N, C-alpha and C. Protein backbone atom coordinates (compact mmCIF):
# COMPACT_ATOMS: atom_id res chain seq x y z
N MET A 1 13.11 69.25 51.88
CA MET A 1 11.82 69.13 50.86
C MET A 1 10.73 69.55 51.21
N LYS A 2 10.01 70.50 50.35
CA LYS A 2 8.72 70.97 50.87
C LYS A 2 7.89 70.04 50.90
N THR A 3 6.82 70.48 51.59
CA THR A 3 5.41 69.47 51.99
C THR A 3 4.79 68.67 50.84
N ASP A 4 4.57 69.73 49.85
CA ASP A 4 3.96 69.12 48.54
C ASP A 4 4.80 68.42 47.70
N LYS A 5 6.42 68.49 47.69
CA LYS A 5 7.20 67.46 46.87
C LYS A 5 6.98 66.09 47.31
N LEU A 6 7.44 66.15 48.85
CA LEU A 6 7.24 65.06 49.87
C LEU A 6 6.11 64.16 49.59
N ILE A 7 4.81 64.68 49.49
CA ILE A 7 3.35 64.16 48.94
C ILE A 7 3.73 63.42 47.73
N ASP A 8 4.10 64.33 46.75
CA ASP A 8 4.26 63.79 45.48
C ASP A 8 5.07 62.46 45.31
N ALA A 9 6.12 62.43 46.33
CA ALA A 9 7.07 61.44 46.43
C ALA A 9 6.62 60.50 46.91
N LEU A 10 5.83 60.61 48.01
CA LEU A 10 5.26 59.53 48.64
C LEU A 10 4.33 58.49 47.57
N VAL A 11 3.61 59.44 46.90
CA VAL A 11 2.43 58.86 46.13
C VAL A 11 3.28 58.23 44.82
N ALA A 12 4.15 58.62 44.31
CA ALA A 12 5.00 58.36 43.27
C ALA A 12 5.49 56.87 43.44
N ASP A 13 6.09 56.85 44.90
CA ASP A 13 6.83 55.88 45.23
C ASP A 13 5.85 54.03 45.21
N ARG A 14 4.17 54.69 45.41
CA ARG A 14 3.62 53.44 45.66
C ARG A 14 2.80 53.21 44.44
N VAL A 15 2.65 54.08 43.61
CA VAL A 15 2.33 53.83 42.45
C VAL A 15 2.52 52.97 41.28
N PRO A 16 2.06 52.02 40.54
CA PRO A 16 2.63 51.27 39.70
C PRO A 16 3.47 51.78 38.71
N ARG A 17 4.70 51.46 38.63
CA ARG A 17 5.63 52.11 37.27
C ARG A 17 4.98 52.27 36.30
N GLY A 18 5.14 53.57 35.62
CA GLY A 18 4.63 53.99 34.47
C GLY A 18 3.24 54.26 34.34
N LYS A 19 2.63 54.40 35.20
CA LYS A 19 1.24 54.87 35.21
C LYS A 19 0.88 55.77 36.76
N THR A 20 -0.09 56.76 36.04
CA THR A 20 -0.58 57.37 37.65
C THR A 20 -1.43 56.67 37.95
N LEU A 21 -1.69 57.17 39.47
CA LEU A 21 -2.99 56.59 40.14
C LEU A 21 -4.11 56.75 39.35
N ARG A 22 -4.42 57.65 38.82
CA ARG A 22 -5.66 58.17 38.06
C ARG A 22 -6.10 57.09 37.00
N SER A 23 -4.89 57.03 36.10
CA SER A 23 -4.96 55.89 34.98
C SER A 23 -5.03 54.47 35.42
N ALA A 24 -4.13 54.18 36.52
CA ALA A 24 -4.48 52.80 37.24
C ALA A 24 -6.08 52.58 37.64
N LEU A 25 -6.57 53.56 38.39
CA LEU A 25 -7.84 53.29 38.95
C LEU A 25 -8.94 53.11 37.80
N ALA A 26 -8.48 53.95 36.69
CA ALA A 26 -9.56 53.94 35.47
C ALA A 26 -9.38 52.70 34.96
N ALA A 27 -8.09 52.02 34.78
CA ALA A 27 -7.87 50.66 34.13
C ALA A 27 -8.68 49.58 35.05
N ALA A 28 -8.19 49.89 36.51
CA ALA A 28 -8.90 48.63 37.15
C ALA A 28 -10.54 48.66 37.18
N LEU A 29 -10.77 49.99 37.17
CA LEU A 29 -12.36 50.17 37.05
C LEU A 29 -12.99 49.53 35.87
N LEU A 30 -12.26 49.86 34.62
CA LEU A 30 -12.72 49.32 33.06
C LEU A 30 -12.68 47.80 33.48
N ALA A 31 -11.60 47.26 34.15
CA ALA A 31 -11.50 45.77 34.12
C ALA A 31 -12.45 45.19 34.85
N GLY A 32 -12.81 45.86 35.97
CA GLY A 32 -13.82 44.96 36.97
C GLY A 32 -15.28 45.49 36.10
N CYS A 33 -15.40 46.42 35.46
CA CYS A 33 -16.98 46.59 34.70
C CYS A 33 -17.03 45.55 33.70
N LEU A 34 -15.86 45.28 33.02
CA LEU A 34 -16.11 44.20 31.98
C LEU A 34 -16.43 42.67 32.33
N ALA A 35 -15.78 42.55 33.47
CA ALA A 35 -16.34 41.31 34.33
C ALA A 35 -17.71 41.71 34.63
N SER A 36 -17.83 42.33 35.20
CA SER A 36 -19.56 42.53 35.62
C SER A 36 -20.33 42.45 34.47
N PHE A 37 -19.97 43.24 33.44
CA PHE A 37 -20.87 43.44 32.18
C PHE A 37 -21.29 42.03 31.79
N ALA A 38 -20.16 41.22 31.81
CA ALA A 38 -20.20 39.64 31.47
C ALA A 38 -21.30 38.88 32.22
N PHE A 39 -21.39 39.43 33.44
CA PHE A 39 -22.18 38.63 34.21
C PHE A 39 -23.39 39.21 34.44
N PHE A 40 -23.47 40.59 34.29
CA PHE A 40 -24.83 41.29 33.79
C PHE A 40 -25.49 40.72 32.79
N LEU A 41 -24.86 40.37 31.51
CA LEU A 41 -25.55 39.85 30.49
C LEU A 41 -25.92 38.29 30.56
N ALA A 42 -25.32 37.70 31.17
CA ALA A 42 -25.59 36.12 31.41
C ALA A 42 -26.79 36.27 32.53
N THR A 43 -27.08 36.88 33.47
CA THR A 43 -27.87 36.92 34.52
C THR A 43 -29.14 37.78 34.31
N LEU A 44 -28.90 38.79 34.00
CA LEU A 44 -29.95 40.11 33.92
C LEU A 44 -30.52 40.49 32.43
N GLY A 45 -29.52 40.92 31.69
CA GLY A 45 -29.89 41.31 30.40
C GLY A 45 -30.33 42.70 30.49
N VAL A 46 -30.32 43.26 29.25
CA VAL A 46 -30.75 44.36 28.87
C VAL A 46 -32.70 44.41 28.70
N ARG A 47 -33.21 45.23 29.33
CA ARG A 47 -34.61 45.11 29.10
C ARG A 47 -35.19 44.91 27.78
N ALA A 48 -36.14 44.53 27.59
CA ALA A 48 -36.69 44.14 26.09
C ALA A 48 -37.43 45.38 25.64
N ASP A 49 -37.53 46.30 26.50
CA ASP A 49 -38.00 47.73 25.74
C ASP A 49 -37.15 48.97 25.59
N ILE A 50 -35.85 48.27 25.48
CA ILE A 50 -34.69 49.21 25.63
C ILE A 50 -34.72 50.40 24.57
N GLY A 51 -35.36 49.95 23.06
CA GLY A 51 -35.39 50.99 22.31
C GLY A 51 -36.53 51.91 22.74
N PRO A 52 -37.62 51.79 23.01
CA PRO A 52 -38.73 52.84 23.31
C PRO A 52 -38.28 53.69 24.76
N ALA A 53 -37.57 52.67 25.55
CA ALA A 53 -37.12 53.49 26.94
C ALA A 53 -36.18 54.56 26.38
N LEU A 54 -35.26 54.46 25.36
CA LEU A 54 -34.04 55.41 25.32
C LEU A 54 -34.52 56.96 24.64
N GLY A 55 -35.97 56.71 24.46
CA GLY A 55 -36.63 58.05 24.02
C GLY A 55 -37.14 58.94 25.19
N THR A 56 -37.41 58.47 26.34
CA THR A 56 -38.21 58.93 27.47
C THR A 56 -37.14 59.64 28.48
N TRP A 57 -37.77 60.79 28.60
CA TRP A 57 -36.90 61.51 29.72
C TRP A 57 -36.50 61.02 30.99
N ARG A 58 -37.58 60.00 31.39
CA ARG A 58 -36.94 59.41 32.86
C ARG A 58 -36.20 58.71 32.64
N PHE A 59 -36.00 57.51 31.53
CA PHE A 59 -34.84 56.90 31.56
C PHE A 59 -33.47 57.42 31.19
N GLU A 60 -33.60 58.56 30.28
CA GLU A 60 -32.17 59.43 30.19
C GLU A 60 -31.74 59.99 31.39
N LEU A 61 -33.05 60.34 31.97
CA LEU A 61 -32.70 61.19 33.54
C LEU A 61 -31.86 60.09 34.54
N LYS A 62 -32.46 58.88 34.08
CA LYS A 62 -31.95 57.84 35.43
C LYS A 62 -30.38 57.50 35.02
N VAL A 63 -29.95 57.32 33.65
CA VAL A 63 -28.79 57.04 33.07
C VAL A 63 -27.89 58.30 33.32
N GLY A 64 -28.23 59.43 33.36
CA GLY A 64 -27.71 60.74 33.47
C GLY A 64 -27.15 60.91 35.03
N LEU A 65 -28.08 60.31 35.86
CA LEU A 65 -27.78 60.43 37.32
C LEU A 65 -26.77 59.41 37.52
N VAL A 66 -26.99 58.01 37.20
CA VAL A 66 -25.88 57.04 37.61
C VAL A 66 -24.48 57.36 36.78
N LEU A 67 -24.33 57.99 35.76
CA LEU A 67 -23.09 58.57 35.25
C LEU A 67 -22.57 59.66 35.84
N LEU A 68 -23.60 60.67 36.38
CA LEU A 68 -23.11 61.96 37.08
C LEU A 68 -22.24 61.26 38.49
N ALA A 69 -23.00 60.29 39.07
CA ALA A 69 -22.64 59.82 40.29
C ALA A 69 -21.18 58.82 40.13
N LEU A 70 -21.05 58.30 38.81
CA LEU A 70 -19.58 57.85 38.24
C LEU A 70 -18.79 58.67 38.49
N GLY A 71 -18.90 59.68 37.87
CA GLY A 71 -17.68 60.64 37.59
C GLY A 71 -17.35 61.47 38.93
N LEU A 72 -18.26 61.57 39.48
CA LEU A 72 -18.04 62.43 40.73
C LEU A 72 -17.33 61.36 42.04
N ALA A 73 -17.91 60.13 41.71
CA ALA A 73 -17.12 59.16 42.77
C ALA A 73 -16.07 58.92 42.18
N PHE A 74 -15.65 59.04 41.19
CA PHE A 74 -14.20 58.67 40.80
C PHE A 74 -13.35 60.09 41.09
N SER A 75 -13.80 61.09 41.05
CA SER A 75 -13.04 62.32 41.63
C SER A 75 -12.88 62.34 42.90
N LEU A 76 -13.76 61.60 43.66
CA LEU A 76 -13.61 61.74 45.32
C LEU A 76 -12.73 60.65 45.44
N CYS A 77 -12.65 59.60 44.66
CA CYS A 77 -11.69 58.32 44.86
C CYS A 77 -10.35 58.62 44.91
N ILE A 78 -10.03 59.51 43.75
CA ILE A 78 -8.71 60.08 43.52
C ILE A 78 -8.48 61.00 44.50
N ALA A 79 -9.27 62.23 44.72
CA ALA A 79 -8.81 62.96 46.14
C ALA A 79 -8.47 62.49 47.25
N LEU A 80 -9.22 61.19 47.53
CA LEU A 80 -8.99 60.64 48.89
C LEU A 80 -7.98 59.58 48.84
N SER A 81 -7.42 59.30 47.74
CA SER A 81 -5.91 58.41 47.75
C SER A 81 -4.73 59.26 48.17
N ARG A 82 -4.93 60.27 48.19
CA ARG A 82 -3.89 61.24 48.50
C ARG A 82 -3.40 61.44 50.22
N PRO A 83 -2.18 61.37 50.56
CA PRO A 83 -1.81 61.48 52.03
C PRO A 83 -2.15 62.90 52.47
N VAL A 84 -2.65 63.72 51.99
CA VAL A 84 -3.42 64.84 52.52
C VAL A 84 -4.82 65.09 51.99
N PRO A 85 -5.95 65.00 52.96
CA PRO A 85 -7.31 64.83 52.32
C PRO A 85 -7.64 66.29 52.04
N PRO A 86 -8.45 66.27 50.98
CA PRO A 86 -9.08 67.83 50.53
C PRO A 86 -9.98 67.92 51.74
N ALA A 87 -10.30 69.44 51.89
CA ALA A 87 -11.03 69.72 52.54
C ALA A 87 -12.73 69.46 52.45
N HIS A 88 -13.51 69.23 53.20
CA HIS A 88 -14.76 68.60 52.94
C HIS A 88 -14.81 67.86 51.46
N PRO A 89 -14.45 66.72 51.66
CA PRO A 89 -14.53 65.85 50.46
C PRO A 89 -16.06 65.45 49.73
N GLY A 90 -16.88 65.59 50.92
CA GLY A 90 -18.22 65.21 50.74
C GLY A 90 -18.82 66.31 49.72
N ARG A 91 -18.40 67.45 49.57
CA ARG A 91 -18.94 68.34 48.75
C ARG A 91 -19.07 68.26 47.18
N ARG A 92 -17.93 67.40 46.93
CA ARG A 92 -18.03 66.65 45.48
C ARG A 92 -19.21 66.14 44.80
N LEU A 93 -19.88 65.65 46.06
CA LEU A 93 -21.13 64.77 45.48
C LEU A 93 -22.37 65.80 45.79
N LEU A 94 -22.22 66.91 45.98
CA LEU A 94 -23.48 67.87 46.01
C LEU A 94 -24.16 68.43 44.40
N PRO A 95 -23.41 68.13 43.47
CA PRO A 95 -24.34 68.22 42.04
C PRO A 95 -25.05 67.17 42.04
N LEU A 96 -24.64 65.79 42.39
CA LEU A 96 -25.50 64.67 42.48
C LEU A 96 -26.61 64.87 43.11
N ALA A 97 -26.43 64.97 44.47
CA ALA A 97 -27.65 65.56 45.24
C ALA A 97 -28.61 66.46 44.78
N ALA A 98 -28.05 67.58 44.16
CA ALA A 98 -28.98 68.64 43.52
C ALA A 98 -29.90 68.01 42.53
N LEU A 99 -29.12 67.37 41.74
CA LEU A 99 -29.59 66.48 40.22
C LEU A 99 -30.74 65.73 40.91
N ALA A 100 -30.69 64.92 41.88
CA ALA A 100 -31.50 64.00 42.32
C ALA A 100 -32.94 64.56 42.70
N ALA A 101 -32.36 65.89 43.85
CA ALA A 101 -33.51 66.89 44.44
C ALA A 101 -34.47 67.22 43.13
N ILE A 102 -33.93 67.66 42.24
CA ILE A 102 -34.53 68.42 41.06
C ILE A 102 -35.49 67.27 40.41
N ALA A 103 -34.94 66.20 40.26
CA ALA A 103 -35.36 64.95 39.55
C ALA A 103 -36.75 64.46 40.27
N VAL A 104 -36.73 64.31 41.52
CA VAL A 104 -37.72 64.12 42.24
C VAL A 104 -38.50 65.09 42.48
N ALA A 105 -38.40 66.10 42.53
CA ALA A 105 -39.38 67.48 42.54
C ALA A 105 -40.19 67.58 41.29
N ILE A 106 -39.51 67.10 39.88
CA ILE A 106 -40.24 67.21 38.55
C ILE A 106 -41.11 66.04 38.94
N GLU A 107 -40.76 64.95 39.26
CA GLU A 107 -41.89 63.71 39.13
C GLU A 107 -42.74 64.04 40.05
N LEU A 108 -42.59 64.63 41.22
CA LEU A 108 -43.66 64.89 41.99
C LEU A 108 -44.59 65.91 41.67
N LEU A 109 -44.47 67.04 40.86
CA LEU A 109 -45.27 67.64 40.23
C LEU A 109 -45.69 67.08 38.85
N ALA A 110 -45.22 66.41 38.52
CA ALA A 110 -45.52 65.75 37.13
C ALA A 110 -46.97 64.87 37.34
N GLN A 111 -46.73 64.26 38.36
CA GLN A 111 -47.54 63.00 38.66
C GLN A 111 -48.32 63.04 39.81
N PRO A 112 -49.83 62.49 39.87
CA PRO A 112 -50.73 62.96 40.84
C PRO A 112 -50.34 62.15 42.32
N SER A 113 -50.50 62.67 43.23
CA SER A 113 -50.05 62.13 44.49
C SER A 113 -50.44 60.67 44.76
N VAL A 114 -51.65 60.25 44.32
CA VAL A 114 -52.09 59.05 44.51
C VAL A 114 -51.18 57.95 43.82
N SER A 115 -50.26 58.19 42.92
CA SER A 115 -49.43 57.37 42.06
C SER A 115 -47.97 57.57 42.51
N TRP A 116 -47.46 58.43 43.54
CA TRP A 116 -46.16 58.54 44.08
C TRP A 116 -46.06 57.12 44.98
N ALA A 117 -46.61 56.56 45.47
CA ALA A 117 -46.30 55.16 46.08
C ALA A 117 -46.09 54.21 45.47
N SER A 118 -46.47 54.05 44.30
CA SER A 118 -46.24 53.02 43.46
C SER A 118 -45.09 53.09 42.56
N ARG A 119 -44.92 54.20 42.16
CA ARG A 119 -43.85 54.85 41.89
C ARG A 119 -42.46 54.59 42.28
N LEU A 120 -42.47 54.74 43.78
CA LEU A 120 -41.77 54.73 44.81
C LEU A 120 -41.26 53.49 44.94
N VAL A 121 -42.24 52.30 45.17
CA VAL A 121 -41.84 50.68 45.50
C VAL A 121 -41.52 50.61 43.92
N GLY A 122 -42.12 50.73 42.80
CA GLY A 122 -41.79 50.16 41.63
C GLY A 122 -42.12 48.32 41.64
N SER A 123 -41.36 47.85 40.72
CA SER A 123 -41.59 46.37 40.69
C SER A 123 -40.44 45.62 40.47
N ASN A 124 -39.30 46.26 40.78
CA ASN A 124 -38.16 45.69 40.96
C ASN A 124 -37.18 46.21 41.98
N ALA A 125 -37.56 46.48 43.35
CA ALA A 125 -36.88 47.08 44.31
C ALA A 125 -35.78 45.67 44.88
N LEU A 126 -36.32 44.88 45.25
CA LEU A 126 -35.65 43.50 45.85
C LEU A 126 -34.63 43.19 44.87
N VAL A 127 -34.79 43.28 43.38
CA VAL A 127 -33.94 42.63 42.25
C VAL A 127 -32.76 43.86 42.59
N CYS A 128 -33.09 45.22 43.03
CA CYS A 128 -32.16 46.23 42.61
C CYS A 128 -31.17 46.20 43.93
N LEU A 129 -31.58 45.99 44.94
CA LEU A 129 -30.98 45.78 46.15
C LEU A 129 -29.90 44.58 46.25
N ILE A 130 -30.25 43.67 45.25
CA ILE A 130 -29.15 42.34 45.41
C ILE A 130 -28.40 42.73 43.97
N ALA A 131 -29.03 43.13 42.85
CA ALA A 131 -27.98 43.14 41.97
C ALA A 131 -26.94 44.22 41.87
N ILE A 132 -27.28 45.35 42.16
CA ILE A 132 -26.03 46.37 42.40
C ILE A 132 -24.94 46.19 43.19
N PRO A 133 -25.40 45.55 44.22
CA PRO A 133 -23.97 44.88 45.36
C PRO A 133 -23.14 44.08 44.54
N THR A 134 -24.11 42.92 43.88
CA THR A 134 -23.36 41.64 43.32
C THR A 134 -22.54 42.54 42.39
N LEU A 135 -23.04 43.28 41.20
CA LEU A 135 -22.29 43.76 40.28
C LEU A 135 -21.04 44.82 40.50
N ALA A 136 -21.28 44.99 42.02
CA ALA A 136 -20.32 45.91 42.21
C ALA A 136 -18.80 45.10 42.89
N ILE A 137 -19.25 43.78 43.08
CA ILE A 137 -18.10 43.00 43.74
C ILE A 137 -16.54 43.13 42.79
N VAL A 138 -16.74 42.85 41.81
CA VAL A 138 -15.41 42.94 41.02
C VAL A 138 -14.88 44.38 40.75
N PRO A 139 -15.59 45.18 40.54
CA PRO A 139 -15.01 46.47 40.47
C PRO A 139 -14.24 47.11 41.92
N LEU A 140 -15.26 46.70 43.09
CA LEU A 140 -14.72 47.11 44.25
C LEU A 140 -13.38 46.55 44.38
N VAL A 141 -13.14 45.31 44.19
CA VAL A 141 -11.61 44.64 44.54
C VAL A 141 -10.72 45.11 43.76
N ALA A 142 -11.04 45.46 42.38
CA ALA A 142 -10.14 45.68 41.48
C ALA A 142 -9.53 47.19 41.82
N LEU A 143 -10.50 48.15 42.38
CA LEU A 143 -10.32 49.20 42.85
C LEU A 143 -9.30 49.45 44.14
N LEU A 144 -9.62 48.67 45.28
CA LEU A 144 -8.97 48.32 46.39
C LEU A 144 -7.48 47.72 46.08
N ILE A 145 -7.37 46.78 45.25
CA ILE A 145 -5.93 46.72 44.86
C ILE A 145 -5.28 47.74 44.31
N ILE A 146 -5.80 48.74 43.53
CA ILE A 146 -4.85 49.61 43.04
C ILE A 146 -4.68 50.75 44.10
N LEU A 147 -5.80 50.82 44.96
CA LEU A 147 -5.55 51.92 45.95
C LEU A 147 -4.39 51.71 47.24
N ARG A 148 -4.08 50.53 47.19
CA ARG A 148 -3.06 49.92 47.84
C ARG A 148 -1.75 50.75 47.51
N ALA A 149 -1.45 51.15 46.39
CA ALA A 149 -0.57 51.70 45.77
C ALA A 149 -0.56 53.19 46.17
N GLY A 150 -1.57 53.62 46.79
CA GLY A 150 -1.45 54.87 46.84
C GLY A 150 -1.44 55.37 48.08
N ALA A 151 -1.72 56.52 49.02
CA ALA A 151 -1.30 56.73 50.04
C ALA A 151 -2.38 57.69 51.14
N PRO A 152 -3.39 56.89 50.96
CA PRO A 152 -4.77 57.65 51.78
C PRO A 152 -4.49 57.95 53.15
N ALA A 153 -4.81 59.43 53.10
CA ALA A 153 -4.57 59.85 54.83
C ALA A 153 -5.65 59.12 55.51
N SER A 154 -6.87 58.58 54.98
CA SER A 154 -8.16 57.84 55.57
C SER A 154 -8.13 56.83 54.72
N PRO A 155 -7.62 55.56 55.31
CA PRO A 155 -8.02 54.36 54.56
C PRO A 155 -9.72 54.14 54.60
N ALA A 156 -10.29 54.42 55.67
CA ALA A 156 -11.58 53.95 55.72
C ALA A 156 -12.40 54.81 54.67
N LEU A 157 -12.17 56.13 54.63
CA LEU A 157 -12.69 57.27 53.47
C LEU A 157 -12.44 56.47 52.15
N ALA A 158 -11.26 56.37 52.14
CA ALA A 158 -10.75 55.97 50.63
C ALA A 158 -11.59 54.66 50.20
N GLY A 159 -11.62 53.72 51.19
CA GLY A 159 -12.11 52.45 50.81
C GLY A 159 -13.78 52.65 50.45
N GLY A 160 -14.09 53.73 51.24
CA GLY A 160 -15.52 53.86 51.05
C GLY A 160 -15.88 54.90 49.91
N ALA A 161 -14.68 55.45 49.39
CA ALA A 161 -14.86 56.03 48.28
C ALA A 161 -14.94 55.14 47.11
N ALA A 162 -14.17 54.19 47.17
CA ALA A 162 -14.19 53.06 46.24
C ALA A 162 -15.30 52.45 46.03
N GLY A 163 -15.80 51.98 47.30
CA GLY A 163 -17.48 51.28 47.22
C GLY A 163 -18.35 52.17 46.59
N LEU A 164 -18.41 53.31 46.78
CA LEU A 164 -18.90 54.40 46.09
C LEU A 164 -18.90 54.31 44.61
N LEU A 165 -18.00 54.08 43.97
CA LEU A 165 -17.67 54.08 42.74
C LEU A 165 -18.00 53.06 42.14
N ALA A 166 -17.66 51.81 42.84
CA ALA A 166 -18.17 50.55 42.31
C ALA A 166 -19.61 50.45 42.16
N ALA A 167 -20.14 50.83 43.16
CA ALA A 167 -21.53 50.99 43.11
C ALA A 167 -22.30 51.89 42.22
N ALA A 168 -21.72 52.89 41.80
CA ALA A 168 -22.18 53.98 40.72
C ALA A 168 -21.83 53.14 39.41
N ALA A 169 -20.80 52.19 39.19
CA ALA A 169 -20.47 51.79 38.16
C ALA A 169 -21.51 50.41 37.84
N ALA A 170 -21.81 49.79 39.04
CA ALA A 170 -22.79 48.59 39.25
C ALA A 170 -24.33 48.91 38.49
N ALA A 171 -24.81 50.45 39.23
CA ALA A 171 -25.74 51.15 39.13
C ALA A 171 -26.05 51.21 37.48
N ALA A 172 -24.91 51.81 36.85
CA ALA A 172 -25.06 52.25 35.41
C ALA A 172 -25.17 51.08 34.62
N LEU A 173 -24.86 50.09 34.94
CA LEU A 173 -25.13 48.58 34.17
C LEU A 173 -26.53 48.05 34.56
N TYR A 174 -26.98 48.10 35.78
CA TYR A 174 -28.24 47.75 36.10
C TYR A 174 -29.26 48.49 35.43
N ALA A 175 -28.88 49.99 35.30
CA ALA A 175 -30.08 50.92 34.84
C ALA A 175 -30.52 50.48 33.72
N PHE A 176 -29.80 49.54 32.72
CA PHE A 176 -30.11 49.13 31.49
C PHE A 176 -31.14 47.88 31.60
N HIS A 177 -31.08 47.10 32.51
CA HIS A 177 -32.11 46.25 33.06
C HIS A 177 -33.13 46.67 33.92
N CYS A 178 -33.20 47.54 34.37
CA CYS A 178 -34.39 48.01 35.58
C CYS A 178 -35.59 48.49 34.82
N PHE A 179 -36.76 48.29 34.65
CA PHE A 179 -37.61 48.73 34.21
C PHE A 179 -38.19 49.73 34.95
N ASP A 180 -37.85 49.92 36.14
CA ASP A 180 -38.39 51.30 37.19
C ASP A 180 -37.56 52.58 36.88
N ASP A 181 -38.12 53.47 36.10
CA ASP A 181 -37.40 54.65 35.38
C ASP A 181 -37.82 55.85 36.32
N SER A 182 -38.83 55.93 37.24
CA SER A 182 -39.38 57.02 38.05
C SER A 182 -38.05 57.56 38.92
N PRO A 183 -37.86 58.73 39.10
CA PRO A 183 -37.04 59.33 40.09
C PRO A 183 -37.09 58.84 41.55
N LEU A 184 -38.26 58.54 41.72
CA LEU A 184 -38.54 58.48 42.82
C LEU A 184 -38.11 57.09 43.32
N PHE A 185 -38.19 56.07 42.34
CA PHE A 185 -37.52 54.74 42.71
C PHE A 185 -36.00 55.13 42.75
N VAL A 186 -35.63 55.55 41.53
CA VAL A 186 -34.09 55.38 41.31
C VAL A 186 -33.19 55.94 42.50
N VAL A 187 -33.73 57.15 42.92
CA VAL A 187 -33.01 58.10 44.03
C VAL A 187 -33.06 57.20 45.33
N THR A 188 -34.23 56.79 45.52
CA THR A 188 -34.36 55.75 46.60
C THR A 188 -33.84 54.37 46.73
N TRP A 189 -34.07 53.62 45.89
CA TRP A 189 -33.42 52.13 45.69
C TRP A 189 -32.09 52.04 45.62
N TYR A 190 -31.62 52.79 44.31
CA TYR A 190 -30.34 52.90 43.85
C TYR A 190 -29.29 53.21 45.15
N THR A 191 -29.78 54.14 46.00
CA THR A 191 -28.94 54.80 47.07
C THR A 191 -28.82 53.60 48.13
N LEU A 192 -30.12 52.82 48.36
CA LEU A 192 -29.97 51.86 49.57
C LEU A 192 -29.08 50.81 49.10
N ALA A 193 -29.19 50.49 47.56
CA ALA A 193 -28.57 49.37 47.08
C ALA A 193 -26.93 49.79 47.29
N ALA A 194 -26.64 50.88 47.17
CA ALA A 194 -25.22 51.48 47.28
C ALA A 194 -24.64 51.48 48.64
N ILE A 195 -25.45 51.54 49.80
CA ILE A 195 -24.98 51.91 50.81
C ILE A 195 -24.11 50.56 51.26
N PRO A 196 -24.81 49.40 51.37
CA PRO A 196 -23.74 48.19 51.70
C PRO A 196 -22.29 48.21 50.82
N VAL A 197 -22.28 48.40 49.79
CA VAL A 197 -21.02 48.64 48.98
C VAL A 197 -19.82 49.25 49.97
N VAL A 198 -20.48 50.78 50.06
CA VAL A 198 -19.83 51.75 50.55
C VAL A 198 -19.32 51.39 51.84
N LEU A 199 -19.97 50.53 52.65
CA LEU A 199 -19.79 50.21 53.84
C LEU A 199 -18.62 49.02 53.72
N VAL A 200 -18.77 48.29 53.01
CA VAL A 200 -17.85 47.09 52.75
C VAL A 200 -16.58 47.80 52.43
N GLY A 201 -16.84 48.47 51.58
CA GLY A 201 -15.36 49.37 50.88
C GLY A 201 -14.67 49.96 52.06
N ALA A 202 -15.40 50.65 52.99
CA ALA A 202 -15.01 51.59 53.93
C ALA A 202 -14.25 50.40 55.07
N LEU A 203 -14.84 49.48 55.38
CA LEU A 203 -14.28 48.25 56.32
C LEU A 203 -13.06 47.89 55.95
N ALA A 204 -13.12 47.39 54.26
CA ALA A 204 -11.92 46.95 53.85
C ALA A 204 -10.63 47.68 53.74
N GLY A 205 -11.27 48.92 53.30
CA GLY A 205 -10.42 50.02 53.24
C GLY A 205 -9.38 49.98 54.49
N ARG A 206 -10.22 50.17 55.42
CA ARG A 206 -9.39 50.32 57.05
C ARG A 206 -8.46 49.64 57.27
N ARG A 207 -8.51 48.44 56.53
CA ARG A 207 -7.84 47.21 56.90
C ARG A 207 -6.66 47.05 56.01
N LEU A 208 -7.24 47.11 54.80
CA LEU A 208 -6.08 46.99 53.35
C LEU A 208 -5.36 47.99 52.98
N LEU A 209 -5.85 49.39 53.22
CA LEU A 209 -5.46 50.40 52.76
C LEU A 209 -4.47 51.18 53.77
N ARG A 210 -3.96 50.78 54.86
CA ARG A 210 -2.97 51.48 55.72
C ARG A 210 -1.84 51.55 55.16
N TRP A 211 -1.26 52.50 55.50
CA TRP A 211 0.29 52.64 55.13
C TRP A 211 1.38 53.26 56.11
């Protein structure tokens, strides 16, 4: 049997019957997000000025960043679930890094330097650091359960990718509560809030995703 066919057979044996790993992960993410969405509505809720905010470029860019992170993290999670890892998997996140850098540059050029610090700190930094990891818990658990049916070459990396995906999903929810739309705030605090989720995913993956 050729190597690629052997790999496909290994993955097929561990994926839930009637589903591909991709569709199973998507279903797990959706289920986890629905639970987190219910918790979001019960505890945080949508910001009061969501109507006017929808017409601003900063809010639209914030949502665009978290949705791009969500899509790229999903792609990374799929890639790292296979028994042969892709070369340089981190490169899949380069479009996100590029968009974040452009957004920050635009903000720095558009605003006077005296306002940079206030826009960076914002008014919801602590809430952000708590809310995103909390909203990511259920999606992360759901993703790890499905990834156990895969055959990741590096369980830690696969778990970290699941953490990143869960954090991105949580950030997409939290973005509709957060009043801080400046790219300086979003790139800094959303990233810091995602780091513990990624670390927990990597640690859990190292233990749970071995095969």
